[in-house]
Amino acid sequence: MSSLLHQRCFNHASREAVARCPSCGHFFCRECITEHDDRVICAACLVKITQAAPARRRVLAALRRGACAALGVLVAWFFFYALAQVLLQTPTPTHSSATYQSR
């Protein structure tokens, strides 16, 4: 591992390097690095990371929508099943047409 003491910025040869990017391994000055997710990273690697993130978000969003749809179908099934059980428990004379014709 080379020492940071004698390194120069990858983009600005006249400037002293202050950090090394953990992704690409190049040394950079203060203007060429930024902090992202509690680590110091160069601008080129930051662009790569941020472009890859939306693809993962789309997959997670699709999974979330699918899970919500499945949960909705399950809740609707349970509701109608419980309603059918309540109707099955009601006495038979309640369902006969004789009750309605007597009025």
C-alpha atoms as a PDB file:
ATOM      1  CA  MET A   1       0.000   0.000   0.000  1.00  0.00           C
ATOM      2  CA  SER A   2       1.482   3.330  -1.003  1.00  0.00           C
ATOM      3  CA  SER A   3       1.677   6.204   1.440  1.00  0.00           C
ATOM      4  CA  LEU A   4      -0.662   9.162   1.108  1.00  0.00           C
ATOM      5  CA  LEU A   5       2.215  11.485   2.015  1.00  0.00           C
ATOM      6  CA  HIS A   6       3.762  11.668  -1.469  1.00  0.00           C
ATOM      7  CA  GLN A   7       0.648  11.178  -3.602  1.00  0.00           C
ATOM      8  CA  ARG A   8      -0.866  13.693  -6.016  1.00  0.00           C
ATOM      9  CA  CYS A   9      -4.482  14.107  -7.099  1.00  0.00           C
ATOM     10  CA  PHE A  10      -5.510  11.892  -9.994  1.00  0.00           C
ATOM     11  CA  ASN A  11      -7.303  14.817 -11.703  1.00  0.00           C
ATOM     12  CA  HIS A  12      -5.011  17.693 -10.619  1.00  0.00           C
ATOM     13  CA  ALA A  13      -1.323  16.747 -10.746  1.00  0.00           C
ATOM     14  CA  SER A  14      -0.260  19.960  -9.006  1.00  0.00           C
ATOM     15  CA  ARG A  15      -2.398  19.298  -5.919  1.00  0.00           C
ATOM     16  CA  GLU A  16      -1.599  17.123  -2.957  1.00  0.00           C
ATOM     17  CA  ALA A  17      -3.872  14.120  -2.426  1.00  0.00           C
ATOM     18  CA  VAL A  18      -5.887  13.964   0.794  1.00  0.00           C
ATOM     19  CA  ALA A  19      -7.837  10.721   0.333  1.00  0.00           C
ATOM     20  CA  ARG A  20      -7.968   7.510  -1.628  1.00  0.00           C
ATOM     21  CA  CYS A  21     -11.206   6.338  -3.217  1.00  0.00           C
ATOM     22  CA  PRO A  22     -12.042   2.860  -1.884  1.00  0.00           C
ATOM     23  CA  SER A  23     -13.797   1.873  -5.142  1.00  0.00           C
ATOM     24  CA  CYS A  24     -11.237   2.746  -7.808  1.00  0.00           C
ATOM     25  CA  GLY A  25      -8.130   3.096  -5.655  1.00  0.00           C
ATOM     26  CA  HIS A  26      -7.013   6.475  -7.048  1.00  0.00           C
ATOM     27  CA  PHE A  27      -5.867   9.356  -4.869  1.00  0.00           C
ATOM     28  CA  PHE A  28      -7.736  12.682  -4.945  1.00  0.00           C
ATOM     29  CA  CYS A  29      -7.567  16.239  -3.603  1.00  0.00           C
ATOM     30  CA  ARG A  30     -10.274  17.838  -1.457  1.00  0.00           C
ATOM     31  CA  GLU A  31     -12.214  19.146  -4.458  1.00  0.00           C
ATOM     32  CA  CYS A  32     -12.421  15.782  -6.204  1.00  0.00           C
ATOM     33  CA  ILE A  33     -13.879  13.715  -3.385  1.00  0.00           C
ATOM     34  CA  THR A  34     -17.201  13.682  -1.588  1.00  0.00           C
ATOM     35  CA  GLU A  35     -18.733  11.826   1.327  1.00  0.00           C
ATOM     36  CA  HIS A  36     -21.448   9.300   0.492  1.00  0.00           C
ATOM     37  CA  ASP A  37     -22.916   6.722   2.911  1.00  0.00           C
ATOM     38  CA  ASP A  38     -20.260   7.535   5.528  1.00  0.00           C
ATOM     39  CA  ARG A  39     -17.327   6.978   3.210  1.00  0.00           C
ATOM     40  CA  VAL A  40     -15.153   9.213   1.031  1.00  0.00           C
ATOM     41  CA  ILE A  41     -15.575   8.483  -2.677  1.00  0.00           C
ATOM     42  CA  CYS A  42     -14.590  10.121  -5.967  1.00  0.00           C
ATOM     43  CA  ALA A  43     -17.100  11.705  -8.350  1.00  0.00           C
ATOM     44  CA  ALA A  44     -16.737   9.004 -11.044  1.00  0.00           C
ATOM     45  CA  CYS A  45     -17.458   6.182  -8.584  1.00  0.00           C
ATOM     46  CA  LEU A  46     -20.323   8.166  -7.081  1.00  0.00           C
ATOM     47  CA  VAL A  47     -21.951   8.390 -10.527  1.00  0.00           C
ATOM     48  CA  LYS A  48     -21.606   4.611 -10.969  1.00  0.00           C
ATOM     49  CA  ILE A  49     -23.184   3.949  -7.565  1.00  0.00           C
ATOM     50  CA  THR A  50     -26.090   6.350  -8.035  1.00  0.00           C
ATOM     51  CA  GLN A  51     -26.902   4.989 -11.511  1.00  0.00           C
ATOM     52  CA  ALA A  52     -27.064   1.426 -10.184  1.00  0.00           C
ATOM     53  CA  ALA A  53     -29.399   2.365  -7.300  1.00  0.00           C
ATOM     54  CA  PRO A  54     -32.552   3.145  -9.371  1.00  0.00           C
ATOM     55  CA  ALA A  55     -32.512  -0.338 -10.921  1.00  0.00           C
ATOM     56  CA  ARG A  56     -32.572  -1.895  -7.449  1.00  0.00           C
ATOM     57  CA  ARG A  57     -35.322   0.495  -6.395  1.00  0.00           C
ATOM     58  CA  ARG A  58     -37.467  -0.549  -9.370  1.00  0.00           C
ATOM     59  CA  VAL A  59     -37.109  -4.210  -8.466  1.00  0.00           C
ATOM     60  CA  LEU A  60     -37.964  -3.530  -4.823  1.00  0.00           C
ATOM     61  CA  ALA A  61     -40.942  -1.393  -5.848  1.00  0.00           C
ATOM     62  CA  ALA A  62     -42.236  -4.184  -8.100  1.00  0.00           C
ATOM     63  CA  LEU A  63     -41.876  -6.706  -5.288  1.00  0.00           C
ATOM     64  CA  ARG A  64     -43.649  -4.349  -2.894  1.00  0.00           C
ATOM     65  CA  ARG A  65     -46.550  -3.878  -5.337  1.00  0.00           C
ATOM     66  CA  GLY A  66     -46.855  -7.624  -5.822  1.00  0.00           C
ATOM     67  CA  ALA A  67     -46.854  -8.241  -2.074  1.00  0.00           C
ATOM     68  CA  CYS A  68     -49.522  -5.563  -1.549  1.00  0.00           C
ATOM     69  CA  ALA A  69     -51.701  -7.086  -4.273  1.00  0.00           C
ATOM     70  CA  ALA A  70     -51.369 -10.563  -2.766  1.00  0.00           C
ATOM     71  CA  LEU A  71     -52.175  -9.214   0.680  1.00  0.00           C
ATOM     72  CA  GLY A  72     -55.235  -7.411  -0.709  1.00  0.00           C
ATOM     73  CA  VAL A  73     -56.535 -10.605  -2.318  1.00  0.00           C
ATOM     74  CA  LEU A  74     -55.941 -12.495   0.936  1.00  0.00           C
ATOM     75  CA  VAL A  75     -57.812  -9.894   2.996  1.00  0.00           C
ATOM     76  CA  ALA A  76     -60.741  -9.881   0.542  1.00  0.00           C
ATOM     77  CA  TRP A  77     -60.898 -13.686   0.583  1.00  0.00           C
ATOM     78  CA  PHE A  78     -60.882 -13.726   4.397  1.00  0.00           C
ATOM     79  CA  PHE A  79     -63.649 -11.102   4.537  1.00  0.00           C
ATOM     80  CA  PHE A  80     -65.928 -13.016   2.171  1.00  0.00           C
ATOM     81  CA  TYR A  81     -65.128 -16.329   3.871  1.00  0.00           C
ATOM     82  CA  ALA A  82     -66.063 -14.856   7.273  1.00  0.00           C
ATOM     83  CA  LEU A  83     -69.262 -13.382   5.784  1.00  0.00           C
ATOM     84  CA  ALA A  84     -70.201 -16.785   4.330  1.00  0.00           C
ATOM     85  CA  GLN A  85     -69.613 -18.433   7.705  1.00  0.00           C
ATOM     86  CA  VAL A  86     -71.928 -15.923   9.390  1.00  0.00           C
ATOM     87  CA  LEU A  87     -74.624 -16.530   6.764  1.00  0.00           C
ATOM     88  CA  LEU A  88     -74.298 -20.293   7.183  1.00  0.00           C
ATOM     89  CA  GLN A  89     -74.876 -19.904  10.928  1.00  0.00           C
ATOM     90  CA  THR A  90     -78.206 -18.103  10.480  1.00  0.00           C
ATOM     91  CA  PRO A  91     -81.296 -20.299  10.947  1.00  0.00           C
ATOM     92  CA  THR A  92     -83.060 -21.727   7.877  1.00  0.00           C
ATOM     93  CA  PRO A  93     -86.454 -20.028   8.479  1.00  0.00           C
ATOM     94  CA  THR A  94     -84.738 -16.679   8.076  1.00  0.00           C
ATOM     95  CA  HIS A  95     -83.877 -17.643   4.501  1.00  0.00           C
ATOM     96  CA  SER A  96     -87.256 -19.101   3.524  1.00  0.00           C
ATOM     97  CA  SER A  97     -89.619 -17.096   1.351  1.00  0.00           C
ATOM     98  CA  ALA A  98     -92.517 -17.761   3.750  1.00  0.00           C
ATOM     99  CA  THR A  99     -91.181 -15.132   6.126  1.00  0.00           C
ATOM    100  CA  TYR A 100     -91.338 -12.478   3.460  1.00  0.00           C
ATOM    101  CA  GLN A 101     -94.736 -13.526   2.074  1.00  0.00           C
ATOM    102  CA  SER A 102     -96.512 -13.246   5.421  1.00  0.00           C
ATOM    103  CA  ARG A 103     -96.157  -9.498   5.492  1.00  0.00           C
END
